[in-house]
Amino acid sequence: MFMPQPNTLLQLIEVAPPANTAFLLPDSGIRVTYQSLRDQVTAMADALASIGIQRGDRVAMVLPNGLPAVVSFLAASVAGTAAPLNPGYREDEFNFFLDDTNAKVLLCPADGADAARKAAATRNVPVYTLEMDGTRFVRIAGAGNGKTAAPPSGDDIALVLHTSGSTGRPKRVPILHRNIAASTANIAAHYALAPTDVALCVMPLFHVHGLVASVLSTLRSGGTVAVPNKFNPLSFWRTVRDSGATWYSAVPTIHNLLLSRATERPAGSEGLRFIRSCSAALPPEMMAKMESLFGVPVLEAYGMTEASHQMASNPLPPAARKPGSVGPGTGVKVGIMDDSGTLLATGERGEIVIQGPNVVAGYENNPEANAKSFTNGWFRTGDQGVLDAEGYLSLTGRIKELINRGGEKIGPREIDEVLLAHPAVAEAVAFGIPHPTWGEEVAAAVVLKEPQPETAILLFCKERLADFKVPKKLFIVTAIPRTATGKIQRGAVAKALTEGQ
C-alpha cells in the first residue's frame, strides 16, 4: 500500500510498524514501542490542549535527555510549538528565553530545574511537572483532559530555537513541520538508515543535532534510538555494545574524549556502520585516528539551526570521504556567493549559501536579520567556504570571525588545524586581537597534553603557515570555553583572554 511521505512530526512517528522498538533506555534496559510512543505523544498533546495550549503557543521545556524530553517535544509540536531550553541556563537566561519565546507553560522534571522554575514564577508562566510510571509512560502531573489536540499541518511551526548568539543577540528561528520532515528525509537517505539501525543519542535534546539527526531521522526510518541519561566516556563503548548501536553522531569534543581513553579497538565498535561528526570542525588528524582506532568510516557533516540541521555531509563508502571537507550538499543546493550576491565559480572562496525545503523562511520578528540573511532566494549562512570540482564543500571560517590583518583576511580554522597537528596540543582556537599598525593580529589559545615551550609551538606553525598567519601571541590555557553543543565562540574566548591587557 502506498504511504504518503510524512509532512509533520505526528506523521513521522506513524510510519513504522507499531510493534517495532522506537526507544531503548540503556540505563534501565526498558524498550518503548512505536505504538507506545504514539499513545504517549497523543495523550500528552491532548493534555496540553486541555490546559489551554493552542496552535502556535510556545511550550517551554527544561528536561535532561531521556524519554520525557522526546515525548514532550513531540507532544508540544502537535498541540502547539515546542521550545526546548538548555537545563544548564542560569535564572537570568531562563528569564530571557521564556520572555523571548512568549512561553505559555513550562514543563520540568520532578526534581531540579530550580532556576527555570524561579524564572517562570517571575514571569507568571505556569509550571507543570512530568511524571513517568513503571511502564515508562510519560504524563503531565495534574493536567486535566477533555480536549483533543488537532493534528498539525506541514506549515505549522513545530519548533522554535535560538541561534547560538556567538556574534550578537540570539535570533529566534521558527522551524516548520515540513522543514523538519524534509531534513529527516535527507539525513535518512544519505546514511541509508533502515529499521535495523540503532542510533545512540549522546547529544542534548534541546538542539537540532540531537533532536533531528539522532532522534527524528531514526524515527523517520523506523529504527531504534538508544538514549542514555547522559554521555559517559567510561561506559560509552559498553553502551554501544549492549544497545546494538549501528551509528552515533557527536561533536569533536566527544570524539576526542573517546579517543583519549582508547588504546585499541573498543569492544562493541564492530557493530557500528559509521560515526558521524557535526556542529564543530573535525580536524583531519582526529578523523584519521578515529578511523584507525574505531575501525569504521567517520563522516563529517555540516548543519545549522536555520537549515533544520543538516546541509552537507561526506557520504558512506564506497564514495569518497574527504578529510577537512564536510562533503556535498545532502538534498540541499549549496553555492558560494560574494558580497554583491553573485554566485562564484568552483574553487572560489566566498560566503556559503543554501536553498532547500529544510531551510526556514526567515527569523521571527527580525526584519533586519532577514534582509541581511536572504539574497535572491538563497540563505546566507555567515560561513566562508569553497566548493571543489566534485561539489565537496570545505569550510574556512565564520565571516565575522575572519582576522583582518592589514587588509589580509585570514581564516582562523586553518590556523586551528595546524596547531592541532602538533603532538603536544590537545585543543586550539585562533582569533584576532587589536593591533595598532595592522588593525588586527593573529593570536591563539591552546590546551597542552604535556608541557611544551611556546617557542616550539610557534616554530611548528612557522614551518606550515605563511608568516602573516602565524600567531604572534599564544595563550596557554587549561580549557577553552564552548557552548553546550561543543561550539567554540571565538569572540568570547578572545574577550576573556585579552580583557585588561
Protein backbone atom coordinates (compact mmCIF):
# COMPACT_ATOMS: atom_id res chain seq x y z
CA MET A 1 0.00 0.00 0.00
CA PHE A 2 1.28 3.46 -0.89
CA MET A 3 2.23 5.54 2.15
CA PRO A 4 2.50 9.29 1.63
CA GLN A 5 5.74 10.92 2.73
CA PRO A 6 5.47 12.38 6.26
CA ASN A 7 4.98 16.15 6.29
CA THR A 8 4.59 16.59 10.06
CA LEU A 9 6.22 15.12 13.15
CA LEU A 10 3.00 13.32 14.02
CA GLN A 11 3.00 11.61 10.62
CA LEU A 12 6.72 10.88 11.02
CA ILE A 13 6.16 8.61 14.04
CA GLU A 14 3.26 6.81 12.32
CA VAL A 15 5.39 5.23 9.56
CA ALA A 16 6.99 2.32 11.42
CA PRO A 17 5.13 -0.89 12.39
CA PRO A 18 3.54 -0.48 15.86
CA ALA A 19 5.49 -3.33 17.47
CA ASN A 20 8.94 -2.06 16.40
CA THR A 21 11.14 -0.64 19.13
CA ALA A 22 11.29 3.15 18.93
CA PHE A 23 13.36 3.80 22.05
CA LEU A 24 15.79 1.85 24.16
CA LEU A 25 16.70 3.29 27.54
CA PRO A 26 20.17 1.81 28.23
CA ASP A 27 20.23 2.86 31.89
CA SER A 28 17.15 0.76 32.68
CA GLY A 29 17.01 -1.65 29.74
CA ILE A 30 13.39 -0.69 29.03
CA ARG A 31 12.18 -0.66 25.43
CA VAL A 32 9.37 1.56 24.13
CA THR A 33 7.49 0.50 21.02
CA TYR A 34 6.30 2.85 18.30
CA GLN A 35 2.71 2.17 19.41
CA SER A 36 3.56 3.20 22.98
CA LEU A 37 5.36 6.29 21.70
CA ARG A 38 2.33 7.31 19.60
CA ASP A 39 -0.02 6.72 22.53
CA GLN A 40 2.14 8.81 24.86
CA VAL A 41 2.55 11.67 22.39
CA THR A 42 -1.16 11.77 21.61
CA ALA A 43 -2.13 11.65 25.29
CA MET A 44 0.27 14.43 26.23
CA ALA A 45 -0.75 16.59 23.25
CA ASP A 46 -4.37 16.25 24.39
CA ALA A 47 -3.32 17.14 27.95
CA LEU A 48 -1.57 20.27 26.65
CA ALA A 49 -4.69 21.19 24.68
CA SER A 50 -6.74 20.69 27.84
CA ILE A 51 -4.62 23.20 29.78
CA GLY A 52 -5.12 25.76 27.04
CA ILE A 53 -2.28 25.22 24.55
CA GLN A 54 -3.37 26.12 21.03
CA ARG A 55 -1.66 26.10 17.64
CA GLY A 56 1.44 28.31 17.77
CA ASP A 57 1.55 28.60 21.58
CA ARG A 58 5.07 28.05 22.88
CA VAL A 59 5.62 25.15 25.26
CA ALA A 60 8.97 25.62 27.00
CA MET A 61 10.67 22.55 28.43
CA VAL A 62 13.72 22.10 30.62
CA LEU A 63 14.49 18.41 30.63
CA PRO A 64 17.54 16.14 30.64
CA ASN A 65 17.97 13.58 27.87
CA GLY A 66 15.50 10.73 28.12
CA LEU A 67 12.03 9.61 27.15
CA PRO A 68 10.24 12.58 28.83
CA ALA A 69 12.26 15.02 26.72
CA VAL A 70 11.31 13.22 23.48
CA VAL A 71 7.62 12.69 24.29
CA SER A 72 7.10 16.26 25.50
CA PHE A 73 8.90 17.68 22.46
CA LEU A 74 6.73 15.71 20.03
CA ALA A 75 3.53 16.42 22.00
CA ALA A 76 4.28 20.14 22.17
CA SER A 77 4.90 20.21 18.43
CA VAL A 78 1.47 18.63 17.87
CA ALA A 79 -0.57 20.78 20.26
CA GLY A 80 1.43 23.99 19.84
CA THR A 81 5.13 24.74 19.30
CA ALA A 82 8.00 23.11 21.20
CA ALA A 83 10.59 25.40 22.79
CA PRO A 84 13.24 23.19 24.44
CA LEU A 85 15.73 25.03 26.64
CA ASN A 86 19.18 24.14 27.95
CA PRO A 87 18.83 22.86 31.55
CA GLY A 88 22.23 24.44 32.25
CA TYR A 89 20.99 28.03 31.82
CA ARG A 90 21.07 30.42 34.75
CA GLU A 91 17.95 32.17 36.03
CA ASP A 92 18.54 35.38 34.05
CA GLU A 93 18.97 33.31 30.86
CA PHE A 94 15.71 31.48 31.52
CA ASN A 95 14.08 34.89 32.05
CA PHE A 96 15.27 35.97 28.61
CA PHE A 97 14.22 32.81 26.74
CA LEU A 98 10.85 32.44 28.44
CA ASP A 99 10.12 36.07 27.62
CA ASP A 100 11.52 35.97 24.09
CA THR A 101 9.51 32.88 23.13
CA ASN A 102 6.39 34.12 24.97
CA ALA A 103 6.17 30.70 26.61
CA LYS A 104 2.66 29.77 27.75
CA VAL A 105 3.76 26.92 30.03
CA LEU A 106 6.98 25.34 31.26
CA LEU A 107 7.50 21.58 31.52
CA CYS A 108 10.05 20.38 34.09
CA PRO A 109 11.23 17.12 35.67
CA ALA A 110 10.02 16.23 39.15
CA ASP A 111 13.42 17.11 40.64
CA GLY A 112 15.71 20.02 39.81
CA ALA A 113 15.24 22.84 37.29
CA ASP A 114 15.12 25.31 40.20
CA ALA A 115 16.45 28.25 38.18
CA ALA A 116 13.88 27.64 35.44
CA ARG A 117 11.07 27.37 37.97
CA LYS A 118 12.11 30.65 39.60
CA ALA A 119 12.23 32.42 36.25
CA ALA A 120 8.80 31.04 35.35
CA ALA A 121 7.36 32.24 38.66
CA THR A 122 8.80 35.72 38.00
CA ARG A 123 7.09 35.81 34.61
CA ASN A 124 3.86 34.14 35.77
CA VAL A 125 4.42 31.18 33.45
CA PRO A 126 2.59 28.08 34.76
CA VAL A 127 4.93 25.18 35.55
CA TYR A 128 3.93 21.55 35.01
CA THR A 129 5.91 18.55 36.18
CA LEU A 130 6.39 15.45 34.08
CA GLU A 131 6.00 12.06 35.72
CA MET A 132 6.77 8.60 34.41
CA ASP A 133 5.18 5.39 35.68
CA GLY A 134 6.73 1.94 35.92
CA THR A 135 5.89 1.16 32.30
CA ARG A 136 7.73 4.29 31.21
CA PHE A 137 4.55 6.11 30.21
CA VAL A 138 5.21 9.85 30.46
CA ARG A 139 2.42 12.16 31.68
CA ILE A 140 1.95 15.75 32.79
CA ALA A 141 1.19 15.64 36.51
CA GLY A 142 -2.10 17.30 37.38
CA ALA A 143 -3.11 18.04 33.80
CA GLY A 144 -6.77 17.55 33.02
CA ASN A 145 -8.29 16.11 29.90
CA GLY A 146 -11.32 16.69 27.80
CA LYS A 147 -9.81 18.35 24.75
CA THR A 148 -8.22 16.74 21.73
CA ALA A 149 -5.24 18.35 20.02
CA ALA A 150 -5.91 18.82 16.31
CA PRO A 151 -3.24 17.31 14.02
CA PRO A 152 -0.75 19.92 12.80
CA SER A 153 -0.11 20.80 9.16
CA GLY A 154 3.24 20.98 7.43
CA ASP A 155 3.12 24.78 7.55
CA ASP A 156 2.69 24.95 11.32
CA ILE A 157 5.70 25.83 13.49
CA ALA A 158 6.89 22.64 15.17
CA LEU A 159 9.92 24.01 16.96
CA VAL A 160 11.39 27.34 17.92
CA LEU A 161 15.09 27.57 18.74
CA HIS A 162 17.64 30.35 19.04
CA THR A 163 20.90 30.84 17.23
CA SER A 164 23.93 30.48 19.48
CA GLY A 165 24.39 34.24 19.70
CA SER A 166 28.14 33.99 19.05
CA THR A 167 28.05 37.26 17.11
CA GLY A 168 25.28 39.10 18.96
CA ARG A 169 21.83 38.71 20.49
CA PRO A 170 20.34 35.25 19.80
CA LYS A 171 17.87 35.22 16.91
CA ARG A 172 14.63 33.25 17.13
CA VAL A 173 14.31 30.54 14.48
CA PRO A 174 10.82 29.13 13.76
CA ILE A 175 11.14 25.67 12.17
CA LEU A 176 8.08 24.29 10.39
CA HIS A 177 6.93 20.68 10.46
CA ARG A 178 7.68 20.37 6.75
CA ASN A 179 11.20 21.80 7.26
CA ILE A 180 11.97 19.03 9.74
CA ALA A 181 10.27 16.40 7.57
CA ALA A 182 12.49 17.41 4.64
CA SER A 183 15.63 17.41 6.79
CA THR A 184 14.96 13.97 8.26
CA ALA A 185 14.28 12.59 4.77
CA ASN A 186 17.64 13.96 3.58
CA ILE A 187 19.52 12.52 6.55
CA ALA A 188 17.85 9.11 6.45
CA ALA A 189 18.51 8.79 2.72
CA HIS A 190 22.11 10.00 2.87
CA TYR A 191 23.14 7.50 5.55
CA ALA A 192 20.86 4.72 4.24
CA LEU A 193 19.12 4.48 7.63
CA ALA A 194 16.90 1.42 7.96
CA PRO A 195 14.59 -0.18 10.56
CA THR A 196 17.54 -2.38 11.57
CA ASP A 197 19.64 0.63 12.61
CA VAL A 198 20.13 1.67 16.23
CA ALA A 199 21.26 5.28 16.79
CA LEU A 200 22.98 6.06 20.06
CA CYS A 201 21.95 9.60 21.03
CA VAL A 202 24.61 11.39 23.08
CA MET A 203 23.86 14.97 22.01
CA PRO A 204 21.50 17.18 24.06
CA LEU A 205 17.86 17.19 23.01
CA PHE A 206 17.47 20.96 23.24
CA HIS A 207 19.45 21.37 20.00
CA VAL A 208 18.84 20.30 16.38
CA HIS A 209 21.87 17.98 16.27
CA GLY A 210 20.48 15.55 18.82
CA LEU A 211 16.83 16.15 18.00
CA VAL A 212 16.91 15.97 14.22
CA ALA A 213 19.97 13.88 13.34
CA SER A 214 19.94 11.27 16.10
CA VAL A 215 16.26 11.03 17.09
CA LEU A 216 13.85 12.23 14.39
CA SER A 217 15.79 10.88 11.41
CA THR A 218 15.96 7.48 13.09
CA LEU A 219 12.22 7.53 13.82
CA ARG A 220 11.66 8.54 10.20
CA SER A 221 13.48 5.37 9.10
CA GLY A 222 11.65 3.13 11.59
CA GLY A 223 14.83 2.41 13.53
CA THR A 224 15.60 2.45 17.25
CA VAL A 225 17.04 5.33 19.27
CA ALA A 226 19.10 4.44 22.35
CA VAL A 227 19.01 7.36 24.79
CA PRO A 228 21.30 7.23 27.84
CA ASN A 229 20.59 9.71 30.62
CA LYS A 230 23.90 11.41 29.84
CA PHE A 231 27.13 10.90 27.95
CA ASN A 232 29.66 8.93 29.95
CA PRO A 233 33.02 8.25 28.23
CA LEU A 234 33.82 5.48 30.71
CA SER A 235 30.74 3.40 29.90
CA PHE A 236 30.24 4.57 26.31
CA TRP A 237 31.52 1.51 24.47
CA ARG A 238 29.69 -0.84 26.80
CA THR A 239 26.50 1.07 25.95
CA VAL A 240 27.32 0.81 22.24
CA ARG A 241 27.75 -2.96 22.58
CA ASP A 242 24.72 -3.58 24.81
CA SER A 243 22.35 -1.39 22.78
CA GLY A 244 23.50 -2.85 19.45
CA ALA A 245 24.19 0.67 18.16
CA THR A 246 24.99 0.85 14.46
CA TRP A 247 25.94 4.55 14.45
CA TYR A 248 26.21 7.63 16.59
CA SER A 249 26.61 11.34 15.96
CA ALA A 250 28.55 13.73 18.16
CA VAL A 251 30.73 16.83 18.28
CA PRO A 252 34.53 16.57 18.04
CA THR A 253 34.82 17.28 21.78
CA ILE A 254 33.08 13.97 22.50
CA HIS A 255 35.06 12.13 19.84
CA ASN A 256 38.26 13.45 21.40
CA LEU A 257 37.24 12.25 24.87
CA LEU A 258 36.67 8.77 23.49
CA LEU A 259 39.99 8.80 21.63
CA SER A 260 41.90 9.86 24.73
CA ARG A 261 40.65 6.78 26.61
CA ALA A 262 41.23 4.18 23.90
CA THR A 263 44.46 2.34 23.09
CA GLU A 264 42.93 -0.41 20.95
CA ARG A 265 39.68 -1.01 19.11
CA PRO A 266 36.93 -0.92 21.75
CA ALA A 267 34.67 -3.95 22.16
CA GLY A 268 31.30 -3.08 20.67
CA SER A 269 32.62 -0.84 17.91
CA GLU A 270 32.49 -3.74 15.45
CA GLY A 271 28.71 -3.31 15.30
CA LEU A 272 28.95 0.27 14.02
CA ARG A 273 28.34 1.10 10.35
CA PHE A 274 29.69 4.65 10.65
CA ILE A 275 30.37 7.52 13.03
CA ARG A 276 29.04 11.00 12.26
CA SER A 277 30.63 14.28 13.35
CA CYS A 278 28.88 17.64 13.23
CA SER A 279 28.34 21.05 14.93
CA ALA A 280 32.04 21.94 15.05
CA ALA A 281 35.12 21.45 12.86
CA LEU A 282 36.61 17.95 12.86
CA PRO A 283 40.40 18.14 12.48
CA PRO A 284 41.63 15.74 9.75
CA GLU A 285 44.14 14.24 12.19
CA MET A 286 41.32 13.35 14.60
CA MET A 287 39.32 11.78 11.79
CA ALA A 288 42.29 9.61 10.80
CA LYS A 289 42.88 8.50 14.40
CA MET A 290 39.21 7.64 14.87
CA GLU A 291 39.05 5.55 11.71
CA SER A 292 42.27 3.76 12.61
CA LEU A 293 41.25 3.02 16.21
CA PHE A 294 37.48 2.51 15.94
CA GLY A 295 37.60 0.71 12.59
CA VAL A 296 34.64 2.43 10.89
CA PRO A 297 34.23 5.36 8.47
CA VAL A 298 33.93 8.78 10.09
CA LEU A 299 31.64 11.15 8.18
CA GLU A 300 31.88 14.87 8.87
CA ALA A 301 28.65 16.80 8.28
CA TYR A 302 27.66 20.47 8.22
CA GLY A 303 24.49 21.71 9.84
CA MET A 304 22.83 24.74 11.37
CA THR A 305 19.58 25.58 13.10
CA GLU A 306 18.26 27.64 10.17
CA ALA A 307 18.52 24.58 7.90
CA SER A 308 16.70 22.28 10.35
CA HIS A 309 20.18 20.84 10.86
CA GLN A 310 21.98 19.06 8.01
CA MET A 311 23.11 20.81 4.80
CA ALA A 312 26.06 18.70 3.66
CA SER A 313 27.87 15.53 4.65
CA ASN A 314 30.58 13.22 3.49
CA PRO A 315 28.98 10.05 2.06
CA LEU A 316 29.21 6.42 3.07
CA PRO A 317 31.77 4.18 1.35
CA PRO A 318 32.46 3.37 -1.41
CA ALA A 319 32.00 7.08 -2.24
CA ALA A 320 34.90 9.32 -1.22
CA ARG A 321 35.00 11.00 2.16
CA LYS A 322 37.46 13.87 2.22
CA PRO A 323 39.25 14.90 5.42
CA GLY A 324 38.80 18.63 6.03
CA SER A 325 35.64 18.70 3.91
CA VAL A 326 32.00 18.47 5.01
CA GLY A 327 31.06 16.72 1.77
CA PRO A 328 28.50 17.61 -0.89
CA GLY A 329 25.03 19.02 -0.25
CA THR A 330 22.55 16.43 1.01
CA GLY A 331 19.24 17.23 -0.66
CA VAL A 332 20.24 20.88 -0.35
CA LYS A 333 21.60 23.23 -3.02
CA VAL A 334 24.91 24.73 -1.90
CA GLY A 335 26.57 27.73 -3.54
CA ILE A 336 29.33 30.23 -2.88
CA MET A 337 28.39 33.92 -3.10
CA ASP A 338 30.27 37.21 -2.99
CA ASP A 339 29.20 40.34 -1.10
CA SER A 340 27.20 41.66 -4.06
CA GLY A 341 25.09 38.49 -4.36
CA THR A 342 26.88 36.94 -7.33
CA LEU A 343 27.38 33.18 -7.27
CA LEU A 344 31.06 32.29 -7.63
CA ALA A 345 32.74 29.60 -9.69
CA THR A 346 34.15 26.30 -8.45
CA GLY A 347 37.29 26.85 -6.40
CA GLU A 348 36.50 30.46 -5.48
CA ARG A 349 36.17 31.36 -1.83
CA GLY A 350 33.15 33.25 -0.53
CA GLU A 351 30.07 33.01 1.67
CA ILE A 352 28.27 29.66 1.73
CA VAL A 353 24.62 29.99 0.66
CA ILE A 354 21.93 27.32 0.62
CA GLN A 355 18.48 26.56 -0.78
CA GLY A 356 16.13 23.70 0.09
CA PRO A 357 12.83 22.68 1.65
CA ASN A 358 14.56 22.18 5.00
CA VAL A 359 15.66 25.85 5.15
CA VAL A 360 13.49 28.19 7.22
CA ALA A 361 11.75 31.12 5.53
CA GLY A 362 13.19 33.66 7.98
CA TYR A 363 13.81 34.66 11.57
CA GLU A 364 10.87 35.55 13.75
CA ASN A 365 10.11 39.26 14.20
CA ASN A 366 13.53 40.27 12.90
CA PRO A 367 13.23 42.02 9.52
CA GLU A 368 16.77 43.42 9.77
CA ALA A 369 18.31 39.96 10.14
CA ASN A 370 16.11 38.61 7.35
CA ALA A 371 17.19 41.36 4.97
CA LYS A 372 20.85 40.52 5.62
CA SER A 373 20.42 36.76 5.53
CA PHE A 374 18.47 36.20 2.31
CA THR A 375 19.66 37.15 -1.19
CA ASN A 376 17.85 36.13 -4.40
CA GLY A 377 16.23 33.16 -2.68
CA TRP A 378 19.48 31.97 -1.09
CA PHE A 379 20.09 31.84 2.66
CA ARG A 380 23.45 33.31 3.67
CA THR A 381 24.98 31.04 6.30
CA GLY A 382 27.59 33.50 7.54
CA ASP A 383 30.22 30.83 6.92
CA GLN A 384 33.04 31.18 4.42
CA GLY A 385 33.95 28.25 2.23
CA VAL A 386 34.84 26.82 -1.16
CA LEU A 387 33.39 24.08 -3.40
CA ASP A 388 35.71 21.73 -5.27
CA ALA A 389 35.15 20.25 -8.73
CA GLU A 390 33.22 17.30 -7.24
CA GLY A 391 30.89 19.53 -5.26
CA TYR A 392 32.53 18.86 -1.90
CA LEU A 393 32.36 21.82 0.46
CA SER A 394 35.23 22.95 2.67
CA LEU A 395 34.64 25.49 5.44
CA THR A 396 37.26 28.16 6.01
CA GLY A 397 35.65 30.02 8.91
CA ARG A 398 32.85 32.28 10.06
CA ILE A 399 32.88 35.51 8.06
CA LYS A 400 32.56 37.60 11.22
CA GLU A 401 35.49 35.68 12.72
CA LEU A 402 37.91 36.33 9.87
CA ILE A 403 41.07 38.04 11.08
CA ASN A 404 41.72 41.24 9.12
CA ARG A 405 45.47 41.82 9.32
CA GLY A 406 46.27 44.92 7.31
CA GLY A 407 43.59 44.05 4.76
CA GLU A 408 44.68 40.40 4.54
CA LYS A 409 41.70 38.22 5.51
CA ILE A 410 42.80 35.14 7.45
CA GLY A 411 40.51 32.19 8.18
CA PRO A 412 41.19 31.08 11.77
CA ARG A 413 40.22 27.47 11.12
CA GLU A 414 43.37 26.93 9.03
CA ILE A 415 45.47 28.05 12.00
CA ASP A 416 43.46 25.82 14.36
CA GLU A 417 44.24 22.78 12.22
CA VAL A 418 47.97 23.47 12.14
CA LEU A 419 48.09 23.92 15.92
CA LEU A 420 46.06 20.74 16.45
CA ALA A 421 48.54 18.81 14.30
CA HIS A 422 51.24 19.49 16.94
CA PRO A 423 51.58 16.33 19.07
CA ALA A 424 51.56 18.30 22.34
CA VAL A 425 48.39 20.32 21.58
CA ALA A 426 45.04 18.93 22.75
CA GLU A 427 42.82 21.89 21.84
CA ALA A 428 43.37 25.12 19.94
CA VAL A 429 41.47 28.18 18.80
CA ALA A 430 42.84 31.12 16.79
CA PHE A 431 41.35 34.62 16.79
CA GLY A 432 42.18 38.24 16.09
CA ILE A 433 43.34 40.75 18.67
CA PRO A 434 43.68 44.52 18.20
CA HIS A 435 46.97 45.81 16.79
CA PRO A 436 47.96 49.50 16.44
CA THR A 437 49.51 49.05 12.98
CA TRP A 438 47.79 46.10 11.35
CA GLY A 439 44.34 46.62 12.82
CA GLU A 440 44.29 43.01 13.93
CA GLU A 441 46.96 40.47 14.67
CA VAL A 442 46.73 36.68 14.94
CA ALA A 443 46.55 35.14 18.41
CA ALA A 444 45.65 31.67 19.60
CA ALA A 445 44.77 29.81 22.77
CA VAL A 446 45.97 26.23 23.25
CA VAL A 447 45.42 23.47 25.77
CA LEU A 448 48.50 21.27 26.07
CA LYS A 449 48.65 17.50 26.56
CA GLU A 450 52.12 17.88 28.07
CA PRO A 451 54.45 20.78 28.88
CA GLN A 452 55.88 22.37 25.76
CA PRO A 453 57.83 25.60 25.20
CA GLU A 454 55.79 28.28 23.47
CA THR A 455 58.66 28.80 21.03
CA ALA A 456 58.43 25.18 19.85
CA ILE A 457 54.74 25.53 19.02
CA LEU A 458 55.32 28.80 17.16
CA LEU A 459 58.20 27.26 15.21
CA PHE A 460 55.90 24.40 14.25
CA CYS A 461 53.42 26.98 12.90
CA LYS A 462 56.13 28.92 11.03
CA GLU A 463 57.09 25.77 9.15
CA ARG A 464 53.50 25.25 7.98
CA LEU A 465 51.95 28.71 7.63
CA ALA A 466 52.72 31.92 5.80
CA ASP A 467 54.35 34.38 8.17
CA PHE A 468 51.33 36.69 8.37
CA LYS A 469 49.19 33.75 9.55
CA VAL A 470 51.50 32.61 12.35
CA PRO A 471 50.15 33.55 15.82
CA LYS A 472 52.05 36.45 17.31
CA LYS A 473 50.52 35.84 20.73
CA LEU A 474 49.96 32.42 22.27
CA PHE A 475 47.82 31.85 25.37
CA ILE A 476 48.42 28.58 27.22
CA VAL A 477 45.14 27.74 28.99
CA THR A 478 43.70 24.78 30.89
CA ALA A 479 40.38 24.78 29.00
CA ILE A 480 38.71 26.51 26.06
CA PRO A 481 35.11 27.54 26.76
CA ARG A 482 32.47 26.06 24.47
CA THR A 483 28.72 26.21 24.08
CA ALA A 484 26.54 23.34 25.33
CA THR A 485 26.70 21.80 21.85
CA GLY A 486 30.50 21.91 21.66
CA LYS A 487 30.97 25.03 19.57
CA ILE A 488 33.83 27.42 20.27
CA GLN A 489 32.82 31.07 20.40
CA ARG A 490 35.98 32.77 19.21
CA GLY A 491 34.82 36.23 20.17
CA ALA A 492 34.09 35.13 23.73
CA VAL A 493 37.49 33.40 24.01
CA ALA A 494 39.30 36.46 22.66
CA LYS A 495 37.46 38.80 25.03
CA ALA A 496 38.12 36.60 28.06
CA LEU A 497 41.83 36.33 27.33
CA THR A 498 42.56 39.89 26.27
CA GLU A 499 40.46 41.96 28.69
CA GLY A 500 42.65 44.06 30.91
CA GLN A 501 45.77 43.58 28.80
